[in-house]
All heavy atoms as atom14 arrays in JSON, in Angstrom:
{
  "sequence": "QMGVCVVDSAVAGLGGCPYAQGSSGNVSTEDVLYMLHGVGIETGV",
  "atom14_mask": [
    [1, 1, 1, 1, 1, 1, 1, 1, 1, 0, 0, 0, 0, 0],
    [1, 1, 1, 1, 1, 1, 1, 1, 0, 0, 0, 0, 0, 0],
    [1, 1, 1, 1, 0, 0, 0, 0, 0, 0, 0, 0, 0, 0],
    [1, 1, 1, 1, 1, 1, 1, 0, 0, 0, 0, 0, 0, 0],
    [1, 1, 1, 1, 1, 1, 0, 0, 0, 0, 0, 0, 0, 0],
    [1, 1, 1, 1, 1, 1, 1, 0, 0, 0, 0, 0, 0, 0],
    [1, 1, 1, 1, 1, 1, 1, 0, 0, 0, 0, 0, 0, 0],
    [1, 1, 1, 1, 1, 1, 1, 1, 0, 0, 0, 0, 0, 0],
    [1, 1, 1, 1, 1, 1, 0, 0, 0, 0, 0, 0, 0, 0],
    [1, 1, 1, 1, 1, 0, 0, 0, 0, 0, 0, 0, 0, 0],
    [1, 1, 1, 1, 1, 1, 1, 0, 0, 0, 0, 0, 0, 0],
    [1, 1, 1, 1, 1, 0, 0, 0, 0, 0, 0, 0, 0, 0],
    [1, 1, 1, 1, 0, 0, 0, 0, 0, 0, 0, 0, 0, 0],
    [1, 1, 1, 1, 1, 1, 1, 1, 0, 0, 0, 0, 0, 0],
    [1, 1, 1, 1, 0, 0, 0, 0, 0, 0, 0, 0, 0, 0],
    [1, 1, 1, 1, 0, 0, 0, 0, 0, 0, 0, 0, 0, 0],
    [1, 1, 1, 1, 1, 1, 0, 0, 0, 0, 0, 0, 0, 0],
    [1, 1, 1, 1, 1, 1, 1, 0, 0, 0, 0, 0, 0, 0],
    [1, 1, 1, 1, 1, 1, 1, 1, 1, 1, 1, 1, 0, 0],
    [1, 1, 1, 1, 1, 0, 0, 0, 0, 0, 0, 0, 0, 0],
    [1, 1, 1, 1, 1, 1, 1, 1, 1, 0, 0, 0, 0, 0],
    [1, 1, 1, 1, 0, 0, 0, 0, 0, 0, 0, 0, 0, 0],
    [1, 1, 1, 1, 1, 1, 0, 0, 0, 0, 0, 0, 0, 0],
    [1, 1, 1, 1, 1, 1, 0, 0, 0, 0, 0, 0, 0, 0],
    [1, 1, 1, 1, 0, 0, 0, 0, 0, 0, 0, 0, 0, 0],
    [1, 1, 1, 1, 1, 1, 1, 1, 0, 0, 0, 0, 0, 0],
    [1, 1, 1, 1, 1, 1, 1, 0, 0, 0, 0, 0, 0, 0],
    [1, 1, 1, 1, 1, 1, 0, 0, 0, 0, 0, 0, 0, 0],
    [1, 1, 1, 1, 1, 1, 1, 0, 0, 0, 0, 0, 0, 0],
    [1, 1, 1, 1, 1, 1, 1, 1, 1, 0, 0, 0, 0, 0],
    [1, 1, 1, 1, 1, 1, 1, 1, 0, 0, 0, 0, 0, 0],
    [1, 1, 1, 1, 1, 1, 1, 0, 0, 0, 0, 0, 0, 0],
    [1, 1, 1, 1, 1, 1, 1, 1, 0, 0, 0, 0, 0, 0],
    [1, 1, 1, 1, 1, 1, 1, 1, 1, 1, 1, 1, 0, 0],
    [1, 1, 1, 1, 1, 1, 1, 1, 0, 0, 0, 0, 0, 0],
    [1, 1, 1, 1, 1, 1, 1, 1, 0, 0, 0, 0, 0, 0],
    [1, 1, 1, 1, 1, 1, 1, 1, 1, 1, 0, 0, 0, 0],
    [1, 1, 1, 1, 0, 0, 0, 0, 0, 0, 0, 0, 0, 0],
    [1, 1, 1, 1, 1, 1, 1, 0, 0, 0, 0, 0, 0, 0],
    [1, 1, 1, 1, 0, 0, 0, 0, 0, 0, 0, 0, 0, 0],
    [1, 1, 1, 1, 1, 1, 1, 1, 0, 0, 0, 0, 0, 0],
    [1, 1, 1, 1, 1, 1, 1, 1, 1, 0, 0, 0, 0, 0],
    [1, 1, 1, 1, 1, 1, 1, 0, 0, 0, 0, 0, 0, 0],
    [1, 1, 1, 1, 0, 0, 0, 0, 0, 0, 0, 0, 0, 0],
    [1, 1, 1, 1, 1, 1, 1, 0, 0, 0, 0, 0, 0, 0]
  ],
  "atom14_positions": [
    [[167.4, 209.98, 85.63], [166.4, 210.36, 86.64], [167.02, 210.49, 88.03], [166.5, 211.19, 88.88], [165.25, 209.33, 86.66], [164.39, 209.39, 85.41], [163.42, 208.23, 85.31], [163.63, 207.14, 85.88], [162.32, 208.43, 84.58], [0.0, 0.0, 0.0], [0.0, 0.0, 0.0], [0.0, 0.0, 0.0], [0.0, 0.0, 0.0], [0.0, 0.0, 0.0]],
    [[168.18, 209.84, 88.23], [168.87, 209.94, 89.51], [169.9, 211.07, 89.52], [170.56, 211.29, 90.52], [169.56, 208.61, 89.82], [168.58, 207.47, 90.07], [169.39, 205.9, 90.46], [169.99, 206.23, 92.13], [0.0, 0.0, 0.0], [0.0, 0.0, 0.0], [0.0, 0.0, 0.0], [0.0, 0.0, 0.0], [0.0, 0.0, 0.0], [0.0, 0.0, 0.0]],
    [[170.02, 211.78, 88.38], [170.89, 212.94, 88.33], [172.17, 212.82, 87.54], [172.94, 213.78, 87.39], [0.0, 0.0, 0.0], [0.0, 0.0, 0.0], [0.0, 0.0, 0.0], [0.0, 0.0, 0.0], [0.0, 0.0, 0.0], [0.0, 0.0, 0.0], [0.0, 0.0, 0.0], [0.0, 0.0, 0.0], [0.0, 0.0, 0.0], [0.0, 0.0, 0.0]],
    [[172.46, 211.63, 87.0], [173.64, 211.45, 86.16], [173.43, 212.16, 84.83], [172.37, 212.01, 84.21], [173.94, 209.95, 85.93], [175.1, 209.77, 84.95], [174.25, 209.25, 87.24], [0.0, 0.0, 0.0], [0.0, 0.0, 0.0], [0.0, 0.0, 0.0], [0.0, 0.0, 0.0], [0.0, 0.0, 0.0], [0.0, 0.0, 0.0], [0.0, 0.0, 0.0]],
    [[174.43, 212.91, 84.38], [174.26, 213.73, 83.18], [175.2, 213.32, 82.04], [175.18, 213.95, 80.99], [174.49, 215.19, 83.5], [173.26, 215.89, 84.61], [0.0, 0.0, 0.0], [0.0, 0.0, 0.0], [0.0, 0.0, 0.0], [0.0, 0.0, 0.0], [0.0, 0.0, 0.0], [0.0, 0.0, 0.0], [0.0, 0.0, 0.0], [0.0, 0.0, 0.0]],
    [[176.03, 212.31, 82.24], [176.98, 211.89, 81.21], [176.74, 210.41, 80.87], [176.67, 209.57, 81.76], [178.44, 212.1, 81.67], [179.4, 211.64, 80.58], [178.69, 213.55, 82.03], [0.0, 0.0, 0.0], [0.0, 0.0, 0.0], [0.0, 0.0, 0.0], [0.0, 0.0, 0.0], [0.0, 0.0, 0.0], [0.0, 0.0, 0.0], [0.0, 0.0, 0.0]],
    [[176.62, 210.15, 79.57], [176.35, 208.78, 79.09], [177.34, 208.43, 78.01], [177.51, 209.17, 77.04], [174.92, 208.65, 78.53], [174.7, 207.28, 77.94], [173.88, 208.97, 79.6], [0.0, 0.0, 0.0], [0.0, 0.0, 0.0], [0.0, 0.0, 0.0], [0.0, 0.0, 0.0], [0.0, 0.0, 0.0], [0.0, 0.0, 0.0], [0.0, 0.0, 0.0]],
    [[178.05, 207.31, 78.17], [178.93, 206.82, 77.11], [178.1, 206.08, 76.08], [177.16, 205.38, 76.43], [179.97, 205.85, 77.69], [180.9, 206.49, 78.73], [180.94, 207.72, 78.78], [181.6, 205.74, 79.44], [0.0, 0.0, 0.0], [0.0, 0.0, 0.0], [0.0, 0.0, 0.0], [0.0, 0.0, 0.0], [0.0, 0.0, 0.0], [0.0, 0.0, 0.0]],
    [[178.49, 206.18, 74.83], [177.79, 205.44, 73.78], [178.73, 205.27, 72.6], [179.82, 205.87, 72.56], [176.52, 206.19, 73.33], [176.85, 207.44, 72.75], [0.0, 0.0, 0.0], [0.0, 0.0, 0.0], [0.0, 0.0, 0.0], [0.0, 0.0, 0.0], [0.0, 0.0, 0.0], [0.0, 0.0, 0.0], [0.0, 0.0, 0.0], [0.0, 0.0, 0.0]],
    [[178.34, 204.43, 71.65], [179.17, 204.18, 70.48], [178.31, 204.25, 69.22], [177.21, 203.69, 69.16], [179.82, 202.78, 70.58], [0.0, 0.0, 0.0], [0.0, 0.0, 0.0], [0.0, 0.0, 0.0], [0.0, 0.0, 0.0], [0.0, 0.0, 0.0], [0.0, 0.0, 0.0], [0.0, 0.0, 0.0], [0.0, 0.0, 0.0], [0.0, 0.0, 0.0]],
    [[178.83, 204.92, 68.21], [178.11, 205.0, 66.93], [177.85, 203.58, 66.42], [178.73, 202.73, 66.43], [178.93, 205.8, 65.91], [178.34, 205.65, 64.51], [178.98, 207.28, 66.29], [0.0, 0.0, 0.0], [0.0, 0.0, 0.0], [0.0, 0.0, 0.0], [0.0, 0.0, 0.0], [0.0, 0.0, 0.0], [0.0, 0.0, 0.0], [0.0, 0.0, 0.0]],
    [[176.62, 203.31, 66.04], [176.17, 202.01, 65.49], [176.23, 200.9, 66.52], [176.06, 199.73, 66.2], [176.97, 201.63, 64.26], [0.0, 0.0, 0.0], [0.0, 0.0, 0.0], [0.0, 0.0, 0.0], [0.0, 0.0, 0.0], [0.0, 0.0, 0.0], [0.0, 0.0, 0.0], [0.0, 0.0, 0.0], [0.0, 0.0, 0.0], [0.0, 0.0, 0.0]],
    [[176.46, 201.27, 67.79], [176.52, 200.26, 68.84], [177.69, 199.31, 68.71], [177.6, 198.14, 69.13], [0.0, 0.0, 0.0], [0.0, 0.0, 0.0], [0.0, 0.0, 0.0], [0.0, 0.0, 0.0], [0.0, 0.0, 0.0], [0.0, 0.0, 0.0], [0.0, 0.0, 0.0], [0.0, 0.0, 0.0], [0.0, 0.0, 0.0], [0.0, 0.0, 0.0]],
    [[178.79, 199.78, 68.16], [179.94, 198.92, 67.97], [180.72, 198.74, 69.27], [180.54, 199.48, 70.23], [180.88, 199.53, 66.9], [180.25, 199.7, 65.5], [181.23, 200.38, 64.58], [179.82, 198.36, 64.93], [0.0, 0.0, 0.0], [0.0, 0.0, 0.0], [0.0, 0.0, 0.0], [0.0, 0.0, 0.0], [0.0, 0.0, 0.0], [0.0, 0.0, 0.0]],
    [[181.58, 197.75, 69.31], [182.4, 197.52, 70.5], [182.17, 196.15, 71.09], [181.64, 195.24, 70.42], [0.0, 0.0, 0.0], [0.0, 0.0, 0.0], [0.0, 0.0, 0.0], [0.0, 0.0, 0.0], [0.0, 0.0, 0.0], [0.0, 0.0, 0.0], [0.0, 0.0, 0.0], [0.0, 0.0, 0.0], [0.0, 0.0, 0.0], [0.0, 0.0, 0.0]],
    [[182.54, 196.01, 72.35], [182.42, 194.71, 73.0], [183.63, 194.47, 73.88], [184.42, 195.39, 74.09], [0.0, 0.0, 0.0], [0.0, 0.0, 0.0], [0.0, 0.0, 0.0], [0.0, 0.0, 0.0], [0.0, 0.0, 0.0], [0.0, 0.0, 0.0], [0.0, 0.0, 0.0], [0.0, 0.0, 0.0], [0.0, 0.0, 0.0], [0.0, 0.0, 0.0]],
    [[183.79, 193.27, 74.37], [184.92, 192.95, 75.25], [185.37, 191.52, 74.96], [184.56, 190.59, 75.01], [184.54, 193.09, 76.72], [185.86, 192.62, 77.84], [0.0, 0.0, 0.0], [0.0, 0.0, 0.0], [0.0, 0.0, 0.0], [0.0, 0.0, 0.0], [0.0, 0.0, 0.0], [0.0, 0.0, 0.0], [0.0, 0.0, 0.0], [0.0, 0.0, 0.0]],
    [[186.67, 191.31, 74.68], [187.15, 189.95, 74.37], [187.04, 188.99, 75.54], [187.09, 187.77, 75.36], [188.61, 190.18, 73.99], [188.99, 191.48, 74.64], [187.75, 192.31, 74.6], [0.0, 0.0, 0.0], [0.0, 0.0, 0.0], [0.0, 0.0, 0.0], [0.0, 0.0, 0.0], [0.0, 0.0, 0.0], [0.0, 0.0, 0.0], [0.0, 0.0, 0.0]],
    [[186.9, 189.53, 76.78], [186.82, 188.66, 77.95], [185.36, 188.47, 78.44], [185.14, 187.95, 79.5], [187.66, 189.23, 79.08], [189.11, 189.39, 78.67], [189.68, 190.64, 78.54], [189.9, 188.28, 78.39], [190.99, 190.79, 78.15], [191.22, 188.41, 77.99], [191.76, 189.67, 77.88], [193.08, 189.82, 77.48], [0.0, 0.0, 0.0], [0.0, 0.0, 0.0]],
    [[184.43, 188.97, 77.63], [183.02, 188.83, 77.99], [182.28, 188.26, 76.78], [181.58, 188.96, 76.06], [182.44, 190.18, 78.4], [0.0, 0.0, 0.0], [0.0, 0.0, 0.0], [0.0, 0.0, 0.0], [0.0, 0.0, 0.0], [0.0, 0.0, 0.0], [0.0, 0.0, 0.0], [0.0, 0.0, 0.0], [0.0, 0.0, 0.0], [0.0, 0.0, 0.0]],
    [[182.47, 186.98, 76.55], [181.9, 186.33, 75.38], [180.38, 186.45, 75.37], [179.72, 186.23, 76.37], [182.3, 184.85, 75.36], [183.79, 184.62, 75.16], [184.33, 185.18, 73.87], [183.67, 185.09, 72.83], [185.5, 185.79, 73.9], [0.0, 0.0, 0.0], [0.0, 0.0, 0.0], [0.0, 0.0, 0.0], [0.0, 0.0, 0.0], [0.0, 0.0, 0.0]],
    [[179.86, 186.83, 74.2], [178.42, 186.91, 74.03], [177.84, 188.28, 74.33], [176.67, 188.56, 74.04], [0.0, 0.0, 0.0], [0.0, 0.0, 0.0], [0.0, 0.0, 0.0], [0.0, 0.0, 0.0], [0.0, 0.0, 0.0], [0.0, 0.0, 0.0], [0.0, 0.0, 0.0], [0.0, 0.0, 0.0], [0.0, 0.0, 0.0], [0.0, 0.0, 0.0]],
    [[178.65, 189.17, 74.96], [178.11, 190.5, 75.26], [178.15, 191.35, 74.02], [179.02, 191.22, 73.16], [178.93, 191.16, 76.38], [180.25, 191.4, 75.96], [0.0, 0.0, 0.0], [0.0, 0.0, 0.0], [0.0, 0.0, 0.0], [0.0, 0.0, 0.0], [0.0, 0.0, 0.0], [0.0, 0.0, 0.0], [0.0, 0.0, 0.0], [0.0, 0.0, 0.0]],
    [[177.19, 192.24, 73.91], [177.09, 193.11, 72.73], [177.98, 194.35, 72.94], [178.62, 194.51, 73.97], [175.65, 193.56, 72.52], [175.26, 194.4, 73.6], [0.0, 0.0, 0.0], [0.0, 0.0, 0.0], [0.0, 0.0, 0.0], [0.0, 0.0, 0.0], [0.0, 0.0, 0.0], [0.0, 0.0, 0.0], [0.0, 0.0, 0.0], [0.0, 0.0, 0.0]],
    [[177.98, 195.21, 71.94], [178.75, 196.43, 72.05], [178.06, 197.45, 72.95], [176.98, 197.19, 73.49], [0.0, 0.0, 0.0], [0.0, 0.0, 0.0], [0.0, 0.0, 0.0], [0.0, 0.0, 0.0], [0.0, 0.0, 0.0], [0.0, 0.0, 0.0], [0.0, 0.0, 0.0], [0.0, 0.0, 0.0], [0.0, 0.0, 0.0], [0.0, 0.0, 0.0]],
    [[178.7, 198.58, 73.09], [178.12, 199.67, 73.87], [176.81, 200.12, 73.21], [176.64, 199.96, 72.01], [179.13, 200.84, 73.94], [178.82, 201.84, 75.01], [177.85, 201.68, 75.75], [179.61, 202.88, 75.1], [0.0, 0.0, 0.0], [0.0, 0.0, 0.0], [0.0, 0.0, 0.0], [0.0, 0.0, 0.0], [0.0, 0.0, 0.0], [0.0, 0.0, 0.0]],
    [[175.92, 200.69, 73.98], [174.65, 201.17, 73.46], [174.93, 202.15, 72.3], [175.87, 202.93, 72.34], [173.83, 201.85, 74.57], [174.52, 203.1, 75.11], [172.42, 202.17, 74.09], [0.0, 0.0, 0.0], [0.0, 0.0, 0.0], [0.0, 0.0, 0.0], [0.0, 0.0, 0.0], [0.0, 0.0, 0.0], [0.0, 0.0, 0.0], [0.0, 0.0, 0.0]],
    [[174.1, 202.12, 71.29], [174.34, 202.97, 70.12], [174.02, 204.44, 70.42], [173.02, 204.74, 71.08], [173.52, 202.49, 68.92], [172.2, 202.9, 69.01], [0.0, 0.0, 0.0], [0.0, 0.0, 0.0], [0.0, 0.0, 0.0], [0.0, 0.0, 0.0], [0.0, 0.0, 0.0], [0.0, 0.0, 0.0], [0.0, 0.0, 0.0], [0.0, 0.0, 0.0]],
    [[174.86, 205.3, 69.92], [174.68, 206.73, 70.09], [173.35, 207.17, 69.47], [172.62, 208.02, 70.02], [175.83, 207.51, 69.43], [177.07, 207.06, 70.0], [175.7, 209.01, 69.65], [0.0, 0.0, 0.0], [0.0, 0.0, 0.0], [0.0, 0.0, 0.0], [0.0, 0.0, 0.0], [0.0, 0.0, 0.0], [0.0, 0.0, 0.0], [0.0, 0.0, 0.0]],
    [[173.02, 206.59, 68.32], [171.77, 206.95, 67.64], [170.57, 206.69, 68.52], [169.64, 207.53, 68.61], [171.64, 206.13, 66.33], [172.76, 206.37, 65.33], [173.89, 205.35, 65.45], [174.29, 205.03, 66.6], [174.36, 204.88, 64.41], [0.0, 0.0, 0.0], [0.0, 0.0, 0.0], [0.0, 0.0, 0.0], [0.0, 0.0, 0.0], [0.0, 0.0, 0.0]],
    [[170.53, 205.53, 69.19], [169.37, 205.17, 70.02], [169.29, 206.05, 71.26], [168.2, 206.41, 71.69], [169.46, 203.7, 70.42], [169.34, 202.76, 69.22], [169.27, 203.25, 68.07], [169.34, 201.53, 69.43], [0.0, 0.0, 0.0], [0.0, 0.0, 0.0], [0.0, 0.0, 0.0], [0.0, 0.0, 0.0], [0.0, 0.0, 0.0], [0.0, 0.0, 0.0]],
    [[170.45, 206.36, 71.83], [170.48, 207.23, 73.02], [169.96, 208.62, 72.64], [169.14, 209.21, 73.35], [171.9, 207.33, 73.61], [171.92, 208.39, 74.73], [172.33, 205.99, 74.18], [0.0, 0.0, 0.0], [0.0, 0.0, 0.0], [0.0, 0.0, 0.0], [0.0, 0.0, 0.0], [0.0, 0.0, 0.0], [0.0, 0.0, 0.0], [0.0, 0.0, 0.0]],
    [[170.41, 209.14, 71.52], [169.97, 210.47, 71.06], [168.46, 210.49, 70.81], [167.77, 211.44, 71.19], [170.71, 210.88, 69.8], [172.18, 211.28, 69.98], [172.85, 211.46, 68.62], [172.3, 212.56, 70.81], [0.0, 0.0, 0.0], [0.0, 0.0, 0.0], [0.0, 0.0, 0.0], [0.0, 0.0, 0.0], [0.0, 0.0, 0.0], [0.0, 0.0, 0.0]],
    [[167.96, 209.46, 70.17], [166.52, 209.4, 69.87], [165.71, 209.46, 71.17], [164.71, 210.17, 71.26], [166.22, 208.11, 69.08], [164.78, 207.99, 68.64], [164.34, 208.62, 67.48], [163.87, 207.25, 69.4], [163.01, 208.52, 67.07], [162.54, 207.13, 68.99], [162.12, 207.76, 67.84], [160.81, 207.66, 67.43], [0.0, 0.0, 0.0], [0.0, 0.0, 0.0]],
    [[166.16, 208.71, 72.18], [165.45, 208.71, 73.45], [165.56, 210.06, 74.14], [164.56, 210.62, 74.63], [166.01, 207.63, 74.38], [165.31, 207.58, 75.74], [166.07, 206.42, 76.92], [167.53, 207.34, 77.4], [0.0, 0.0, 0.0], [0.0, 0.0, 0.0], [0.0, 0.0, 0.0], [0.0, 0.0, 0.0], [0.0, 0.0, 0.0], [0.0, 0.0, 0.0]],
    [[166.77, 210.64, 74.17], [166.96, 211.91, 74.84], [166.13, 213.01, 74.19], [165.49, 213.8, 74.88], [168.43, 212.28, 74.85], [169.37, 211.38, 75.66], [170.82, 211.86, 75.53], [168.95, 211.34, 77.12], [0.0, 0.0, 0.0], [0.0, 0.0, 0.0], [0.0, 0.0, 0.0], [0.0, 0.0, 0.0], [0.0, 0.0, 0.0], [0.0, 0.0, 0.0]],
    [[166.17, 213.07, 72.89], [165.38, 214.09, 72.18], [163.89, 213.86, 72.42], [163.11, 214.82, 72.53], [165.7, 214.06, 70.68], [167.1, 214.44, 70.37], [167.68, 214.28, 69.12], [168.07, 215.0, 71.15], [168.91, 214.72, 69.14], [169.19, 215.16, 70.35], [0.0, 0.0, 0.0], [0.0, 0.0, 0.0], [0.0, 0.0, 0.0], [0.0, 0.0, 0.0]],
    [[163.51, 212.61, 72.54], [162.1, 212.29, 72.77], [161.57, 212.71, 74.11], [160.36, 212.91, 74.28], [0.0, 0.0, 0.0], [0.0, 0.0, 0.0], [0.0, 0.0, 0.0], [0.0, 0.0, 0.0], [0.0, 0.0, 0.0], [0.0, 0.0, 0.0], [0.0, 0.0, 0.0], [0.0, 0.0, 0.0], [0.0, 0.0, 0.0], [0.0, 0.0, 0.0]],
    [[162.45, 212.82, 75.11], [162.01, 213.27, 76.43], [162.32, 214.75, 76.65], [162.2, 215.26, 77.76], [162.64, 212.42, 77.57], [162.16, 210.98, 77.48], [164.17, 212.49, 77.56], [0.0, 0.0, 0.0], [0.0, 0.0, 0.0], [0.0, 0.0, 0.0], [0.0, 0.0, 0.0], [0.0, 0.0, 0.0], [0.0, 0.0, 0.0], [0.0, 0.0, 0.0]],
    [[162.74, 215.42, 75.56], [162.92, 216.87, 75.62], [164.26, 217.35, 76.1], [164.42, 218.51, 76.49], [0.0, 0.0, 0.0], [0.0, 0.0, 0.0], [0.0, 0.0, 0.0], [0.0, 0.0, 0.0], [0.0, 0.0, 0.0], [0.0, 0.0, 0.0], [0.0, 0.0, 0.0], [0.0, 0.0, 0.0], [0.0, 0.0, 0.0], [0.0, 0.0, 0.0]],
    [[165.27, 216.47, 76.09], [166.61, 216.87, 76.51], [167.38, 217.35, 75.3], [167.54, 216.65, 74.3], [167.37, 215.7, 77.17], [166.66, 215.31, 78.48], [168.83, 216.06, 77.45], [167.25, 214.09, 79.17], [0.0, 0.0, 0.0], [0.0, 0.0, 0.0], [0.0, 0.0, 0.0], [0.0, 0.0, 0.0], [0.0, 0.0, 0.0], [0.0, 0.0, 0.0]],
    [[167.89, 218.58, 75.37], [168.68, 219.16, 74.27], [170.11, 218.66, 74.38], [170.79, 218.91, 75.36], [168.63, 220.68, 74.33], [167.27, 221.3, 74.06], [166.82, 221.08, 72.61], [167.71, 220.96, 71.74], [165.6, 221.02, 72.35], [0.0, 0.0, 0.0], [0.0, 0.0, 0.0], [0.0, 0.0, 0.0], [0.0, 0.0, 0.0], [0.0, 0.0, 0.0]],
    [[170.57, 217.96, 73.36], [171.94, 217.41, 73.38], [172.93, 218.24, 72.57], [174.14, 218.14, 72.78], [171.95, 215.98, 72.83], [171.56, 216.02, 71.44], [170.98, 215.09, 73.6], [0.0, 0.0, 0.0], [0.0, 0.0, 0.0], [0.0, 0.0, 0.0], [0.0, 0.0, 0.0], [0.0, 0.0, 0.0], [0.0, 0.0, 0.0], [0.0, 0.0, 0.0]],
    [[172.41, 219.0, 71.62], [173.32, 219.73, 70.73], [173.93, 218.83, 69.67], [174.85, 219.25, 68.96], [0.0, 0.0, 0.0], [0.0, 0.0, 0.0], [0.0, 0.0, 0.0], [0.0, 0.0, 0.0], [0.0, 0.0, 0.0], [0.0, 0.0, 0.0], [0.0, 0.0, 0.0], [0.0, 0.0, 0.0], [0.0, 0.0, 0.0], [0.0, 0.0, 0.0]],
    [[173.44, 217.6, 69.57], [173.99, 216.65, 68.6], [172.97, 216.38, 67.51], [171.78, 216.19, 67.78], [174.36, 215.31, 69.3], [174.94, 214.31, 68.28], [175.33, 215.53, 70.45], [0.0, 0.0, 0.0], [0.0, 0.0, 0.0], [0.0, 0.0, 0.0], [0.0, 0.0, 0.0], [0.0, 0.0, 0.0], [0.0, 0.0, 0.0], [0.0, 0.0, 0.0]]
  ]
}
């Protein structure tokens, strides 16, 4: 909504950081796509 057009994501939400105990992985690509398609944004994915 602020104009950023690039979003990093990871399939199945995998990932994390060894120096950030307890943090989850990057947001899942599947969930981001579902939201984007739901608000009418064409991703081509």
